[in-house]
């Protein structure tokens, strides 16, 4: 992998961790948002799984 790709992946991971921390803080401060955020996080995990599967499939085609 090139250095640029690794840098972009690192930045995406860091931003994702910040967003997860922010969502945790919001749920802690406003417990009524627990159910909608659970649904949103489930959707985000599914999206991550699809992107990972697509990346692995693309890597095997090379």
PDB file of N, CA and C in Angstrom:
ATOM      1  N   UNK A   1       0.852  -1.182   0.000  1.00  0.00           N
ATOM      2  CA  UNK A   1       0.000   0.000   0.000  1.00  0.00           C
ATOM      3  C   UNK A   1       0.889   1.233   0.000  1.00  0.00           C
ATOM      4  N   UNK A   2       0.390   2.244  -0.641  1.00  0.00           N
ATOM      5  CA  UNK A   2       1.164   3.471  -0.678  1.00  0.00           C
ATOM      6  C   UNK A   2       1.016   4.232   0.634  1.00  0.00           C
ATOM      7  N   UNK A   3       1.894   5.166   0.822  1.00  0.00           N
ATOM      8  CA  UNK A   3       1.873   5.966   2.047  1.00  0.00           C
ATOM      9  C   UNK A   3       0.602   6.794   2.140  1.00  0.00           C
ATOM     10  N   UNK A   4       0.136   7.295   1.028  1.00  0.00           N
ATOM     11  CA  UNK A   4      -1.084   8.107   1.025  1.00  0.00           C
ATOM     12  C   UNK A   4      -2.296   7.288   1.461  1.00  0.00           C
ATOM     13  N   UNK A   5      -2.392   6.068   0.969  1.00  0.00           N
ATOM     14  CA  UNK A   5      -3.513   5.205   1.345  1.00  0.00           C
ATOM     15  C   UNK A   5      -3.469   4.902   2.836  1.00  0.00           C
ATOM     16  N   UNK A   6      -2.291   4.606   3.360  1.00  0.00           N
ATOM     17  CA  UNK A   6      -2.167   4.331   4.787  1.00  0.00           C
ATOM     18  C   UNK A   6      -2.523   5.549   5.628  1.00  0.00           C
ATOM     19  N   UNK A   7      -2.140   6.734   5.180  1.00  0.00           N
ATOM     20  CA  UNK A   7      -2.464   7.962   5.899  1.00  0.00           C
ATOM     21  C   UNK A   7      -3.970   8.199   5.901  1.00  0.00           C
ATOM     22  N   UNK A   8      -4.614   7.986   4.779  1.00  0.00           N
ATOM     23  CA  UNK A   8      -6.067   8.176   4.705  1.00  0.00           C
ATOM     24  C   UNK A   8      -6.784   7.173   5.601  1.00  0.00           C
ATOM     25  N   UNK A   9      -6.341   5.934   5.615  1.00  0.00           N
ATOM     26  CA  UNK A   9      -6.947   4.920   6.482  1.00  0.00           C
ATOM     27  C   UNK A   9      -6.758   5.296   7.946  1.00  0.00           C
ATOM     28  N   UNK A  10      -5.582   5.748   8.308  1.00  0.00           N
ATOM     29  CA  UNK A  10      -5.324   6.168   9.682  1.00  0.00           C
ATOM     30  C   UNK A  10      -6.232   7.326  10.085  1.00  0.00           C
ATOM     31  N   UNK A  11      -6.381   8.297   9.212  1.00  0.00           N
ATOM     32  CA  UNK A  11      -7.253   9.431   9.510  1.00  0.00           C
ATOM     33  C   UNK A  11      -8.708   8.999   9.642  1.00  0.00           C
ATOM     34  N   UNK A  12      -9.157   8.090   8.797  1.00  0.00           N
ATOM     35  CA  UNK A  12     -10.527   7.589   8.903  1.00  0.00           C
ATOM     36  C   UNK A  12     -10.756   6.850  10.218  1.00  0.00           C
ATOM     37  N   UNK A  13      -9.779   6.093  10.646  1.00  0.00           N
ATOM     38  CA  UNK A  13      -9.899   5.385  11.925  1.00  0.00           C
ATOM     39  C   UNK A  13      -9.961   6.378  13.072  1.00  0.00           C
ATOM     40  N   UNK A  14      -9.115   7.397  13.050  1.00  0.00           N
ATOM     41  CA  UNK A  14      -9.122   8.389  14.121  1.00  0.00           C
ATOM     42  C   UNK A  14     -10.434   9.160  14.170  1.00  0.00           C
ATOM     43  N   UNK A  15     -10.949   9.553  13.022  1.00  0.00           N
ATOM     44  CA  UNK A  15     -12.227  10.273  12.983  1.00  0.00           C
ATOM     45  C   UNK A  15     -13.359   9.366  13.462  1.00  0.00           C
ATOM     46  N   UNK A  16     -13.315   8.108  13.080  1.00  0.00           N
ATOM     47  CA  UNK A  16     -14.343   7.163  13.526  1.00  0.00           C
ATOM     48  C   UNK A  16     -14.320   7.005  15.042  1.00  0.00           C
ATOM     49  N   UNK A  17     -13.135   6.910  15.618  1.00  0.00           N
ATOM     50  CA  UNK A  17     -13.034   6.808  17.075  1.00  0.00           C
ATOM     51  C   UNK A  17     -13.565   8.058  17.763  1.00  0.00           C
ATOM     52  N   UNK A  18     -13.291   9.218  17.190  1.00  0.00           N
ATOM     53  CA  UNK A  18     -13.828  10.454  17.760  1.00  0.00           C
ATOM     54  C   UNK A  18     -15.354  10.475  17.695  1.00  0.00           C
ATOM     55  N   UNK A  19     -15.913  10.022  16.595  1.00  0.00           N
ATOM     56  CA  UNK A  19     -17.372   9.994  16.465  1.00  0.00           C
ATOM     57  C   UNK A  19     -18.008   9.009  17.435  1.00  0.00           C
ATOM     58  N   UNK A  20     -17.384   7.860  17.636  1.00  0.00           N
ATOM     59  CA  UNK A  20     -17.907   6.895  18.595  1.00  0.00           C
ATOM     60  C   UNK A  20     -17.857   7.475  20.001  1.00  0.00           C
ATOM     61  N   UNK A  21     -16.784   8.158  20.324  1.00  0.00           N
ATOM     62  CA  UNK A  21     -16.695   8.817  21.629  1.00  0.00           C
ATOM     63  C   UNK A  21     -17.746   9.893  21.798  1.00  0.00           C
ATOM     64  N   UNK A  22     -17.983  10.661  20.753  1.00  0.00           N
ATOM     65  CA  UNK A  22     -19.011  11.702  20.799  1.00  0.00           C
ATOM     66  C   UNK A  22     -20.394  11.091  20.996  1.00  0.00           C
ATOM     67  N   UNK A  23     -20.687  10.015  20.282  1.00  0.00           N
ATOM     68  CA  UNK A  23     -21.982   9.361  20.445  1.00  0.00           C
ATOM     69  C   UNK A  23     -22.144   8.798  21.852  1.00  0.00           C
ATOM     70  N   UNK A  24     -21.076   8.244  22.400  1.00  0.00           N
ATOM     71  CA  UNK A  24     -21.139   7.754  23.771  1.00  0.00           C
ATOM     72  C   UNK A  24     -21.420   8.869  24.760  1.00  0.00           C
ATOM     73  N   UNK A  25     -20.796  10.013  24.546  1.00  0.00           N
ATOM     74  CA  UNK A  25     -21.025  11.164  25.427  1.00  0.00           C
ATOM     75  C   UNK A  25     -22.467  11.661  25.314  1.00  0.00           C
ATOM     76  N   UNK A  26     -22.982  11.725  24.089  1.00  0.00           N
ATOM     77  CA  UNK A  26     -24.356  12.196  23.884  1.00  0.00           C
ATOM     78  C   UNK A  26     -25.351  11.261  24.567  1.00  0.00           C
ATOM     79  N   UNK A  27     -25.137   9.949  24.441  1.00  0.00           N
ATOM     80  CA  UNK A  27     -26.040   9.003  25.079  1.00  0.00           C
ATOM     81  C   UNK A  27     -25.933   9.098  26.599  1.00  0.00           C
ATOM     82  N   UNK A  28     -24.735   9.353  27.099  1.00  0.00           N
ATOM     83  CA  UNK A  28     -24.553   9.500  28.536  1.00  0.00           C
ATOM     84  C   UNK A  28     -25.297  10.732  29.060  1.00  0.00           C
ATOM     85  N   UNK A  29     -25.239  11.825  28.289  1.00  0.00           N
ATOM     86  CA  UNK A  29     -25.884  13.066  28.722  1.00  0.00           C
ATOM     87  C   UNK A  29     -27.390  13.062  28.482  1.00  0.00           C
ATOM     88  N   UNK A  30     -27.846  12.385  27.430  1.00  0.00           N
ATOM     89  CA  UNK A  30     -29.265  12.337  27.085  1.00  0.00           C
ATOM     90  C   UNK A  30     -29.687  10.885  26.897  1.00  0.00           C
ATOM     91  N   UNK A  31     -30.072  10.212  27.977  1.00  0.00           N
ATOM     92  CA  UNK A  31     -30.414   8.777  27.887  1.00  0.00           C
ATOM     93  C   UNK A  31     -31.583   8.478  26.941  1.00  0.00           C
ATOM     94  N   UNK A  32     -32.438   9.454  26.652  1.00  0.00           N
ATOM     95  CA  UNK A  32     -33.575   9.207  25.755  1.00  0.00           C
ATOM     96  C   UNK A  32     -33.116   8.914  24.327  1.00  0.00           C
ATOM     97  N   UNK A  33     -31.897   9.270  23.976  1.00  0.00           N
ATOM     98  CA  UNK A  33     -31.384   9.043  22.621  1.00  0.00           C
ATOM     99  C   UNK A  33     -30.739   7.670  22.454  1.00  0.00           C
ATOM    100  N   UNK A  34     -30.834   6.834  23.467  1.00  0.00           N
ATOM    101  CA  UNK A  34     -30.149   5.543  23.417  1.00  0.00           C
ATOM    102  C   UNK A  34     -30.650   4.665  22.279  1.00  0.00           C
ATOM    103  N   UNK A  35     -31.956   4.568  22.094  1.00  0.00           N
ATOM    104  CA  UNK A  35     -32.499   3.698  21.043  1.00  0.00           C
ATOM    105  C   UNK A  35     -32.167   4.205  19.631  1.00  0.00           C
ATOM    106  N   UNK A  36     -32.380   5.492  19.313  1.00  0.00           N
ATOM    107  CA  UNK A  36     -32.028   5.939  17.959  1.00  0.00           C
ATOM    108  C   UNK A  36     -30.535   5.814  17.653  1.00  0.00           C
ATOM    109  N   UNK A  37     -29.697   6.067  18.640  1.00  0.00           N
ATOM    110  CA  UNK A  37     -28.264   5.948  18.392  1.00  0.00           C
ATOM    111  C   UNK A  37     -27.845   4.490  18.239  1.00  0.00           C
ATOM    112  N   UNK A  38     -28.527   3.590  18.919  1.00  0.00           N
ATOM    113  CA  UNK A  38     -28.229   2.168  18.742  1.00  0.00           C
ATOM    114  C   UNK A  38     -28.530   1.741  17.308  1.00  0.00           C
ATOM    115  N   UNK A  39     -29.622   2.214  16.770  1.00  0.00           N
ATOM    116  CA  UNK A  39     -29.977   1.908  15.383  1.00  0.00           C
ATOM    117  C   UNK A  39     -28.952   2.517  14.423  1.00  0.00           C
ATOM    118  N   UNK A  40     -28.541   3.745  14.694  1.00  0.00           N
ATOM    119  CA  UNK A  40     -27.556   4.404  13.833  1.00  0.00           C
ATOM    120  C   UNK A  40     -26.209   3.690  13.881  1.00  0.00           C
ATOM    121  N   UNK A  41     -25.799   3.266  15.067  1.00  0.00           N
ATOM    122  CA  UNK A  41     -24.526   2.560  15.187  1.00  0.00           C
ATOM    123  C   UNK A  41     -24.584   1.194  14.498  1.00  0.00           C
ATOM    124  N   UNK A  42     -25.725   0.533  14.561  1.00  0.00           N
ATOM    125  CA  UNK A  42     -25.883  -0.737  13.858  1.00  0.00           C
ATOM    126  C   UNK A  42     -25.751  -0.529  12.354  1.00  0.00           C
ATOM    127  N   UNK A  43     -26.361   0.529  11.864  1.00  0.00           N
ATOM    128  CA  UNK A  43     -26.226   0.857  10.442  1.00  0.00           C
ATOM    129  C   UNK A  43     -24.793   1.157  10.055  1.00  0.00           C
ATOM    130  N   UNK A  44     -24.081   1.864  10.918  1.00  0.00           N
ATOM    131  CA  UNK A  44     -22.675   2.174  10.640  1.00  0.00           C
ATOM    132  C   UNK A  44     -21.818   0.914  10.632  1.00  0.00           C
ATOM    133  N   UNK A  45     -22.115  -0.015  11.537  1.00  0.00           N
ATOM    134  CA  UNK A  45     -21.360  -1.272  11.553  1.00  0.00           C
ATOM    135  C   UNK A  45     -21.629  -2.100  10.302  1.00  0.00           C
ATOM    136  N   UNK A  46     -22.875  -2.109   9.851  1.00  0.00           N
ATOM    137  CA  UNK A  46     -23.190  -2.820   8.617  1.00  0.00           C
ATOM    138  C   UNK A  46     -22.492  -2.192   7.417  1.00  0.00           C
ATOM    139  N   UNK A  47     -22.461  -0.863   7.372  1.00  0.00           N
ATOM    140  CA  UNK A  47     -21.760  -0.169   6.292  1.00  0.00           C
ATOM    141  C   UNK A  47     -20.273  -0.507   6.310  1.00  0.00           C
ATOM    142  N   UNK A  48     -19.681  -0.538   7.491  1.00  0.00           N
ATOM    143  CA  UNK A  48     -18.266  -0.887   7.606  1.00  0.00           C
ATOM    144  C   UNK A  48     -18.010  -2.312   7.137  1.00  0.00           C
ATOM    145  N   UNK A  49     -18.921  -3.214   7.451  1.00  0.00           N
ATOM    146  CA  UNK A  49     -18.766  -4.601   7.018  1.00  0.00           C
ATOM    147  C   UNK A  49     -18.841  -4.712   5.502  1.00  0.00           C
ATOM    148  N   UNK A  50     -19.752  -3.985   4.890  1.00  0.00           N
ATOM    149  CA  UNK A  50     -19.881  -4.019   3.430  1.00  0.00           C
ATOM    150  C   UNK A  50     -18.643  -3.429   2.767  1.00  0.00           C
ATOM    151  N   UNK A  51     -18.141  -2.325   3.292  1.00  0.00           N
ATOM    152  CA  UNK A  51     -16.941  -1.701   2.725  1.00  0.00           C
ATOM    153  C   UNK A  51     -15.745  -2.637   2.864  1.00  0.00           C
ATOM    154  N   UNK A  52     -15.622  -3.293   4.013  1.00  0.00           N
ATOM    155  CA  UNK A  52     -14.518  -4.233   4.216  1.00  0.00           C
ATOM    156  C   UNK A  52     -14.618  -5.408   3.249  1.00  0.00           C
ATOM    157  N   UNK A  53     -15.803  -5.935   3.084  1.00  0.00           N
ATOM    158  CA  UNK A  53     -15.982  -7.046   2.151  1.00  0.00           C
ATOM    159  C   UNK A  53     -15.659  -6.627   0.721  1.00  0.00           C
ATOM    160  N   UNK A  54     -16.079  -5.420   0.342  1.00  0.00           N
ATOM    161  CA  UNK A  54     -15.783  -4.930  -1.008  1.00  0.00           C
ATOM    162  C   UNK A  54     -14.281  -4.722  -1.202  1.00  0.00           C
ATOM    163  N   UNK A  55     -13.611  -4.217  -0.179  1.00  0.00           N
ATOM    164  CA  UNK A  55     -12.172  -4.001  -0.284  1.00  0.00           C
ATOM    165  C   UNK A  55     -11.431  -5.318  -0.390  1.00  0.00           C
ATOM    166  N   UNK A  56     -11.873  -6.312   0.370  1.00  0.00           N
ATOM    167  CA  UNK A  56     -11.230  -7.630   0.289  1.00  0.00           C
ATOM    168  C   UNK A  56     -11.478  -8.276  -1.070  1.00  0.00           C
ATOM    169  N   UNK A  57     -12.670  -8.108  -1.602  1.00  0.00           N
ATOM    170  CA  UNK A  57     -12.965  -8.667  -2.913  1.00  0.00           C
ATOM    171  C   UNK A  57     -12.129  -7.991  -3.999  1.00  0.00           C
ATOM    172  N   UNK A  58     -11.970  -6.681  -3.883  1.00  0.00           N
ATOM    173  CA  UNK A  58     -11.157  -5.951  -4.864  1.00  0.00           C
ATOM    174  C   UNK A  58      -9.690  -6.346  -4.760  1.00  0.00           C
ATOM    175  N   UNK A  59      -9.234  -6.603  -3.542  1.00  0.00           N
ATOM    176  CA  UNK A  59      -7.824  -6.982  -3.362  1.00  0.00           C
ATOM    177  C   UNK A  59      -7.546  -8.371  -3.946  1.00  0.00           C
ATOM    178  N   UNK A  60      -8.512  -9.266  -3.890  1.00  0.00           N
ATOM    179  CA  UNK A  60      -8.296 -10.608  -4.426  1.00  0.00           C
ATOM    180  C   UNK A  60      -8.335 -10.620  -5.955  1.00  0.00           C
ATOM    181  N   UNK A  61      -8.932  -9.614  -6.558  1.00  0.00           N
ATOM    182  CA  UNK A  61      -9.005  -9.556  -8.023  1.00  0.00           C
ATOM    183  C   UNK A  61      -7.718  -9.054  -8.652  1.00  0.00           C
ATOM    184  N   UNK A  62      -6.862  -8.481  -7.861  1.00  0.00           N
ATOM    185  CA  UNK A  62      -5.606  -7.945  -8.438  1.00  0.00           C
ATOM    186  C   UNK A  62      -4.670  -9.026  -8.829  1.00  0.00           C
TER     187      UNK A  62
END
